[in-house]
């Protein structure tokens, strides 16, 4: 069953939800415009690659900075394909306005970032060489 809308009316316009959706969609359009070799570098540089932290020698060998924790933030904006971004943005569009309305825009933004860091911590517990994109097929 795919939700189309919710029935809870909102009191305020969900500005933060709209801005988050806009930012993630712009990054995805930027991904689509890249040639494949450049996109792979983009994912390795800004996506979460757990082996960067668990195997520092490998990270240095492939040219990834070992002490760079920026990918924990930037990986939240990367998507592995059309179904990935559509599913994520659809869910955010339907339910984000009510959560933002209840929490307020600033608390909602911190909530989104905290919720985005949790899968990265879980993914980081598995040693992988390839970049991690949430909801993408697992890589053995």
N, C-alpha and C. Protein backbone atom coordinates (compact mmCIF):
# COMPACT_ATOMS: atom_id res chain seq x y z
N UNK A 1 0.84 -1.17 0.00
CA UNK A 1 0.00 0.00 0.00
C UNK A 1 0.89 1.24 0.00
N UNK A 2 0.72 2.08 -0.98
CA UNK A 2 1.52 3.29 -1.11
C UNK A 2 0.69 4.48 -0.64
N UNK A 3 1.18 5.24 0.35
CA UNK A 3 0.41 6.41 0.81
C UNK A 3 0.43 7.51 -0.24
N UNK A 4 -0.72 8.12 -0.42
CA UNK A 4 -0.84 9.22 -1.38
C UNK A 4 -0.83 10.57 -0.66
N UNK A 5 -1.47 10.60 0.51
CA UNK A 5 -1.49 11.81 1.32
C UNK A 5 -1.85 11.42 2.75
N UNK A 6 -1.69 12.37 3.65
CA UNK A 6 -2.14 12.12 5.00
C UNK A 6 -3.40 12.95 5.27
N UNK A 7 -4.05 12.67 6.37
CA UNK A 7 -5.32 13.36 6.65
C UNK A 7 -5.17 14.38 7.78
N UNK A 8 -3.96 14.58 8.26
CA UNK A 8 -3.74 15.51 9.36
C UNK A 8 -3.45 16.89 8.77
N UNK A 9 -4.31 17.88 9.05
CA UNK A 9 -4.05 19.22 8.51
C UNK A 9 -2.86 19.88 9.21
N UNK A 10 -2.11 20.65 8.47
CA UNK A 10 -0.98 21.35 9.06
C UNK A 10 -1.39 22.79 9.39
N UNK A 11 -0.72 23.35 10.38
CA UNK A 11 -1.03 24.71 10.81
C UNK A 11 -0.14 25.75 10.13
N UNK A 12 1.09 25.35 9.83
CA UNK A 12 2.07 26.26 9.24
C UNK A 12 2.62 25.65 7.95
N UNK A 13 3.07 26.50 7.03
CA UNK A 13 3.70 25.94 5.82
C UNK A 13 5.00 25.24 6.17
N UNK A 14 5.25 24.07 5.60
CA UNK A 14 6.46 23.29 5.93
C UNK A 14 7.68 23.76 5.15
N UNK A 15 8.15 24.95 5.47
CA UNK A 15 9.26 25.57 4.73
C UNK A 15 10.51 24.69 4.76
N UNK A 16 10.87 24.17 5.94
CA UNK A 16 12.08 23.37 6.06
C UNK A 16 11.96 22.08 5.24
N UNK A 17 10.80 21.46 5.26
CA UNK A 17 10.58 20.25 4.46
C UNK A 17 10.78 20.56 2.99
N UNK A 18 10.22 21.65 2.53
CA UNK A 18 10.38 22.04 1.12
C UNK A 18 11.85 22.30 0.79
N UNK A 19 12.57 22.99 1.69
CA UNK A 19 13.98 23.29 1.43
C UNK A 19 14.83 22.02 1.40
N UNK A 20 14.54 21.08 2.29
CA UNK A 20 15.29 19.81 2.30
C UNK A 20 15.03 19.04 1.01
N UNK A 21 13.77 18.98 0.59
CA UNK A 21 13.43 18.28 -0.66
C UNK A 21 14.12 18.96 -1.84
N UNK A 22 14.09 20.29 -1.87
CA UNK A 22 14.74 21.03 -2.95
C UNK A 22 16.24 20.74 -2.98
N UNK A 23 16.90 20.79 -1.83
CA UNK A 23 18.35 20.56 -1.78
C UNK A 23 18.69 19.15 -2.25
N UNK A 24 17.94 18.16 -1.79
CA UNK A 24 18.23 16.77 -2.18
C UNK A 24 17.97 16.55 -3.66
N UNK A 25 16.93 17.17 -4.20
CA UNK A 25 16.63 17.03 -5.63
C UNK A 25 17.68 17.73 -6.49
N UNK A 26 18.17 18.89 -6.04
CA UNK A 26 19.22 19.58 -6.79
C UNK A 26 20.51 18.76 -6.82
N UNK A 27 20.85 18.14 -5.69
CA UNK A 27 22.04 17.28 -5.67
C UNK A 27 21.85 16.10 -6.61
N UNK A 28 20.63 15.52 -6.62
CA UNK A 28 20.37 14.39 -7.52
C UNK A 28 20.47 14.81 -8.98
N UNK A 29 19.94 15.97 -9.33
CA UNK A 29 20.06 16.47 -10.72
C UNK A 29 21.53 16.71 -11.07
N UNK A 30 22.29 17.17 -10.11
CA UNK A 30 23.73 17.36 -10.31
C UNK A 30 24.40 16.00 -10.58
N UNK A 31 23.98 14.96 -9.84
CA UNK A 31 24.49 13.61 -10.07
C UNK A 31 24.18 13.14 -11.48
N UNK A 32 22.96 13.39 -11.94
CA UNK A 32 22.54 12.94 -13.26
C UNK A 32 23.33 13.61 -14.38
N UNK A 33 23.79 14.83 -14.13
CA UNK A 33 24.51 15.58 -15.16
C UNK A 33 25.98 15.15 -15.27
N UNK A 34 26.47 14.38 -14.32
CA UNK A 34 27.89 14.00 -14.32
C UNK A 34 28.15 12.81 -15.22
N UNK A 35 29.32 12.79 -15.86
CA UNK A 35 29.74 11.57 -16.56
C UNK A 35 30.00 10.47 -15.53
N UNK A 36 29.94 9.22 -15.96
CA UNK A 36 30.00 8.09 -15.04
C UNK A 36 31.28 8.06 -14.21
N UNK A 37 32.43 8.32 -14.83
CA UNK A 37 33.69 8.27 -14.06
C UNK A 37 33.73 9.37 -13.00
N UNK A 38 33.17 10.51 -13.31
CA UNK A 38 33.14 11.62 -12.36
C UNK A 38 32.13 11.34 -11.24
N UNK A 39 31.02 10.69 -11.59
CA UNK A 39 30.00 10.33 -10.60
C UNK A 39 30.56 9.34 -9.59
N UNK A 40 31.34 8.39 -10.05
CA UNK A 40 31.95 7.42 -9.14
C UNK A 40 32.88 8.12 -8.15
N UNK A 41 33.69 9.04 -8.64
CA UNK A 41 34.56 9.82 -7.76
C UNK A 41 33.74 10.64 -6.76
N UNK A 42 32.65 11.21 -7.25
CA UNK A 42 31.74 12.01 -6.41
C UNK A 42 31.20 11.16 -5.27
N UNK A 43 30.75 9.94 -5.59
CA UNK A 43 30.21 9.05 -4.56
C UNK A 43 31.30 8.62 -3.57
N UNK A 44 32.49 8.33 -4.07
CA UNK A 44 33.57 7.93 -3.17
C UNK A 44 33.99 9.09 -2.27
N UNK A 45 33.98 10.28 -2.80
CA UNK A 45 34.43 11.45 -2.03
C UNK A 45 33.37 11.90 -1.01
N UNK A 46 32.09 11.94 -1.42
CA UNK A 46 31.04 12.48 -0.55
C UNK A 46 30.12 11.42 0.05
N UNK A 47 30.16 10.20 -0.47
CA UNK A 47 29.39 9.12 0.12
C UNK A 47 30.16 8.50 1.27
N UNK A 48 29.44 7.77 2.10
CA UNK A 48 30.10 7.13 3.23
C UNK A 48 30.73 5.82 2.77
N UNK A 49 32.04 5.75 2.87
CA UNK A 49 32.79 4.54 2.54
C UNK A 49 33.39 4.05 3.85
N UNK A 50 32.74 3.09 4.51
CA UNK A 50 33.23 2.65 5.83
C UNK A 50 34.69 2.22 5.84
N UNK A 51 35.17 1.65 4.76
CA UNK A 51 36.57 1.21 4.71
C UNK A 51 37.54 2.38 4.86
N UNK A 52 37.06 3.58 4.59
CA UNK A 52 37.90 4.77 4.77
C UNK A 52 38.34 4.88 6.22
N UNK A 53 37.48 4.49 7.13
CA UNK A 53 37.76 4.62 8.56
C UNK A 53 38.28 3.33 9.18
N UNK A 54 37.91 2.19 8.61
CA UNK A 54 38.35 0.91 9.19
C UNK A 54 39.65 0.41 8.59
N UNK A 55 39.96 0.84 7.37
CA UNK A 55 41.21 0.46 6.70
C UNK A 55 41.91 1.72 6.18
N UNK A 56 42.54 2.47 7.05
CA UNK A 56 43.17 3.73 6.63
C UNK A 56 44.21 3.56 5.53
N UNK A 57 44.90 2.44 5.51
CA UNK A 57 45.91 2.22 4.46
C UNK A 57 45.25 2.15 3.09
N UNK A 58 44.12 1.46 3.02
CA UNK A 58 43.37 1.40 1.76
C UNK A 58 42.88 2.78 1.35
N UNK A 59 42.37 3.54 2.31
CA UNK A 59 41.86 4.88 2.01
C UNK A 59 42.96 5.77 1.44
N UNK A 60 44.13 5.73 2.04
CA UNK A 60 45.24 6.53 1.53
C UNK A 60 45.68 6.04 0.15
N UNK A 61 45.65 4.74 -0.05
CA UNK A 61 46.05 4.16 -1.34
C UNK A 61 45.14 4.62 -2.47
N UNK A 62 43.83 4.75 -2.21
CA UNK A 62 42.91 5.19 -3.26
C UNK A 62 42.72 6.71 -3.27
N UNK A 63 43.36 7.40 -2.34
CA UNK A 63 43.32 8.86 -2.36
C UNK A 63 42.19 9.49 -1.55
N UNK A 64 41.63 8.74 -0.60
CA UNK A 64 40.58 9.31 0.26
C UNK A 64 41.20 9.80 1.56
N UNK A 65 40.83 10.99 1.99
CA UNK A 65 41.35 11.45 3.28
C UNK A 65 40.78 10.62 4.42
N UNK A 66 41.62 10.16 5.31
CA UNK A 66 41.21 9.26 6.39
C UNK A 66 40.45 10.01 7.48
N UNK A 67 40.84 11.23 7.76
CA UNK A 67 40.26 11.98 8.86
C UNK A 67 39.12 12.91 8.42
N UNK A 68 38.51 12.66 7.30
CA UNK A 68 37.42 13.49 6.78
C UNK A 68 36.08 12.89 7.20
N UNK A 69 35.37 13.59 8.08
CA UNK A 69 34.08 13.10 8.56
C UNK A 69 32.91 13.82 7.89
N UNK A 70 33.19 14.65 6.91
CA UNK A 70 32.17 15.37 6.15
C UNK A 70 31.20 14.42 5.44
N UNK A 71 31.64 13.24 4.95
CA UNK A 71 30.71 12.32 4.28
C UNK A 71 29.55 11.84 5.16
N UNK A 72 29.70 11.89 6.48
CA UNK A 72 28.57 11.53 7.33
C UNK A 72 27.41 12.49 7.11
N UNK A 73 27.72 13.72 6.76
CA UNK A 73 26.68 14.71 6.46
C UNK A 73 26.28 14.66 4.98
N UNK A 74 27.26 14.65 4.10
CA UNK A 74 26.96 14.75 2.67
C UNK A 74 26.28 13.50 2.11
N UNK A 75 26.52 12.34 2.73
CA UNK A 75 25.90 11.12 2.21
C UNK A 75 24.37 11.15 2.34
N UNK A 76 23.85 12.02 3.22
CA UNK A 76 22.40 12.14 3.36
C UNK A 76 21.75 12.74 2.11
N UNK A 77 22.54 13.38 1.28
CA UNK A 77 21.99 14.04 0.10
C UNK A 77 22.20 13.24 -1.18
N UNK A 78 22.87 12.09 -1.08
CA UNK A 78 23.14 11.27 -2.26
C UNK A 78 22.07 10.20 -2.42
N UNK A 79 21.69 9.94 -3.66
CA UNK A 79 20.69 8.92 -3.96
C UNK A 79 21.18 8.06 -5.11
N UNK A 80 20.85 6.77 -5.04
CA UNK A 80 21.38 5.80 -5.99
C UNK A 80 20.56 5.60 -7.25
N UNK A 81 19.46 6.30 -7.41
CA UNK A 81 18.64 6.14 -8.60
C UNK A 81 17.29 6.81 -8.43
N UNK A 82 16.50 6.71 -9.50
CA UNK A 82 15.19 7.37 -9.51
C UNK A 82 14.25 6.84 -8.42
N UNK A 83 14.18 5.53 -8.26
CA UNK A 83 13.27 4.98 -7.25
C UNK A 83 13.73 5.36 -5.84
N UNK A 84 15.01 5.44 -5.64
CA UNK A 84 15.55 5.82 -4.34
C UNK A 84 15.11 7.24 -3.98
N UNK A 85 15.32 8.19 -4.88
CA UNK A 85 14.97 9.58 -4.55
C UNK A 85 13.46 9.78 -4.52
N UNK A 86 12.74 9.14 -5.43
CA UNK A 86 11.27 9.30 -5.43
C UNK A 86 10.68 8.76 -4.13
N UNK A 87 11.12 7.58 -3.71
CA UNK A 87 10.61 7.01 -2.47
C UNK A 87 10.92 7.87 -1.26
N UNK A 88 12.15 8.35 -1.17
CA UNK A 88 12.54 9.18 -0.04
C UNK A 88 11.81 10.52 -0.03
N UNK A 89 11.75 11.18 -1.18
CA UNK A 89 11.12 12.51 -1.21
C UNK A 89 9.61 12.41 -1.07
N UNK A 90 9.03 11.35 -1.59
CA UNK A 90 7.59 11.14 -1.45
C UNK A 90 7.23 11.00 0.04
N UNK A 91 7.99 10.19 0.74
CA UNK A 91 7.75 9.99 2.17
C UNK A 91 7.95 11.28 2.94
N UNK A 92 9.00 12.01 2.61
CA UNK A 92 9.25 13.29 3.28
C UNK A 92 8.15 14.29 2.98
N UNK A 93 7.66 14.28 1.75
CA UNK A 93 6.58 15.19 1.35
C UNK A 93 5.29 14.89 2.11
N UNK A 94 4.97 13.62 2.25
CA UNK A 94 3.70 13.23 2.89
C UNK A 94 3.75 13.43 4.40
N UNK A 95 4.82 12.97 5.04
CA UNK A 95 4.86 12.97 6.49
C UNK A 95 5.68 14.09 7.10
N UNK A 96 6.60 14.68 6.34
CA UNK A 96 7.48 15.71 6.89
C UNK A 96 6.77 16.95 7.35
N UNK A 97 5.71 17.34 6.65
CA UNK A 97 5.01 18.57 7.03
C UNK A 97 4.40 18.48 8.42
N UNK A 98 3.84 17.31 8.76
CA UNK A 98 3.24 17.14 10.08
C UNK A 98 4.29 17.08 11.18
N UNK A 99 5.39 16.42 10.90
CA UNK A 99 6.48 16.35 11.89
C UNK A 99 7.06 17.73 12.10
N UNK A 100 7.29 18.46 11.01
CA UNK A 100 7.82 19.83 11.13
C UNK A 100 6.84 20.73 11.86
N UNK A 101 5.57 20.59 11.56
CA UNK A 101 4.54 21.40 12.22
C UNK A 101 4.56 21.16 13.73
N UNK A 102 4.73 19.92 14.12
CA UNK A 102 4.73 19.55 15.54
C UNK A 102 6.02 19.99 16.24
N UNK A 103 7.16 19.83 15.56
CA UNK A 103 8.46 20.10 16.20
C UNK A 103 8.93 21.54 16.03
N UNK A 104 8.51 22.19 14.96
CA UNK A 104 9.09 23.48 14.60
C UNK A 104 10.20 23.25 13.59
N UNK A 105 10.48 24.27 12.81
CA UNK A 105 11.42 24.11 11.69
C UNK A 105 12.84 23.77 12.11
N UNK A 106 13.37 24.46 13.12
CA UNK A 106 14.76 24.25 13.52
C UNK A 106 14.94 22.87 14.16
N UNK A 107 14.05 22.50 15.08
CA UNK A 107 14.14 21.18 15.70
C UNK A 107 13.96 20.08 14.65
N UNK A 108 13.08 20.33 13.67
CA UNK A 108 12.86 19.36 12.59
C UNK A 108 14.14 19.17 11.78
N UNK A 109 14.85 20.25 11.49
CA UNK A 109 16.11 20.15 10.74
C UNK A 109 17.12 19.30 11.51
N UNK A 110 17.26 19.54 12.81
CA UNK A 110 18.18 18.74 13.62
C UNK A 110 17.71 17.28 13.69
N UNK A 111 16.41 17.08 13.74
CA UNK A 111 15.86 15.72 13.74
C UNK A 111 16.22 14.98 12.45
N UNK A 112 16.07 15.66 11.33
CA UNK A 112 16.40 15.07 10.02
C UNK A 112 17.88 14.69 9.98
N UNK A 113 18.76 15.58 10.44
CA UNK A 113 20.19 15.27 10.42
C UNK A 113 20.53 14.13 11.38
N UNK A 114 19.92 14.12 12.53
CA UNK A 114 20.17 13.01 13.46
C UNK A 114 19.65 11.69 12.88
N UNK A 115 18.47 11.74 12.28
CA UNK A 115 17.92 10.52 11.66
C UNK A 115 18.77 10.08 10.48
N UNK A 116 19.38 11.03 9.78
CA UNK A 116 20.25 10.69 8.66
C UNK A 116 21.58 10.10 9.08
N UNK A 117 22.03 10.43 10.28
CA UNK A 117 23.30 9.90 10.77
C UNK A 117 23.17 8.46 11.27
N UNK A 118 22.00 8.06 11.70
CA UNK A 118 21.82 6.72 12.24
C UNK A 118 22.13 5.62 11.22
N UNK A 119 21.58 5.68 9.99
CA UNK A 119 21.95 4.62 9.03
C UNK A 119 23.44 4.60 8.70
N UNK A 120 24.07 5.77 8.72
CA UNK A 120 25.51 5.82 8.45
C UNK A 120 26.27 5.09 9.54
N UNK A 121 25.85 5.24 10.77
CA UNK A 121 26.53 4.53 11.87
C UNK A 121 26.32 3.03 11.74
N UNK A 122 25.10 2.63 11.34
CA UNK A 122 24.82 1.20 11.17
C UNK A 122 25.59 0.64 9.98
N UNK A 123 25.63 1.40 8.88
CA UNK A 123 26.37 0.97 7.70
C UNK A 123 27.86 0.90 7.99
N UNK A 124 28.33 1.84 8.80
CA UNK A 124 29.74 1.87 9.14
C UNK A 124 30.19 0.66 9.95
N UNK A 125 29.24 -0.04 10.55
CA UNK A 125 29.61 -1.21 11.32
C UNK A 125 29.95 -2.40 10.42
N UNK A 126 29.53 -2.34 9.16
CA UNK A 126 29.91 -3.37 8.19
C UNK A 126 31.07 -2.83 7.37
N UNK A 127 32.07 -3.61 7.16
CA UNK A 127 33.23 -3.15 6.40
C UNK A 127 32.92 -3.29 4.92
N UNK A 128 32.93 -2.14 4.24
CA UNK A 128 32.64 -2.14 2.81
C UNK A 128 33.61 -1.21 2.10
N UNK A 129 33.89 -1.55 0.88
CA UNK A 129 34.80 -0.74 0.08
C UNK A 129 34.03 0.24 -0.79
N UNK A 130 32.78 -0.07 -1.11
CA UNK A 130 31.99 0.76 -2.01
C UNK A 130 31.23 1.82 -1.22
N UNK A 131 30.88 2.95 -1.84
CA UNK A 131 30.13 3.99 -1.14
C UNK A 131 28.76 3.47 -0.71
N UNK A 132 28.29 3.98 0.40
CA UNK A 132 27.00 3.54 0.93
C UNK A 132 25.91 4.53 0.53
N UNK A 133 24.88 4.03 -0.12
CA UNK A 133 23.69 4.82 -0.44
C UNK A 133 22.51 4.10 0.17
N UNK A 134 21.80 4.77 1.05
CA UNK A 134 20.68 4.13 1.72
C UNK A 134 19.66 3.63 0.72
N UNK A 135 19.08 2.49 0.98
CA UNK A 135 18.07 1.83 0.18
C UNK A 135 18.60 1.28 -1.13
N UNK A 136 19.89 1.45 -1.36
CA UNK A 136 20.48 0.83 -2.54
C UNK A 136 20.69 -0.66 -2.26
N UNK A 137 20.75 -1.47 -3.28
CA UNK A 137 20.97 -2.91 -3.04
C UNK A 137 22.27 -3.13 -2.29
N UNK A 138 22.30 -4.08 -1.36
CA UNK A 138 23.52 -4.33 -0.60
C UNK A 138 24.63 -4.86 -1.50
N UNK A 139 25.84 -4.49 -1.18
CA UNK A 139 27.00 -4.92 -1.94
C UNK A 139 27.72 -5.97 -1.11
N UNK A 140 27.91 -7.18 -1.60
CA UNK A 140 28.59 -8.21 -0.80
C UNK A 140 30.06 -7.90 -0.59
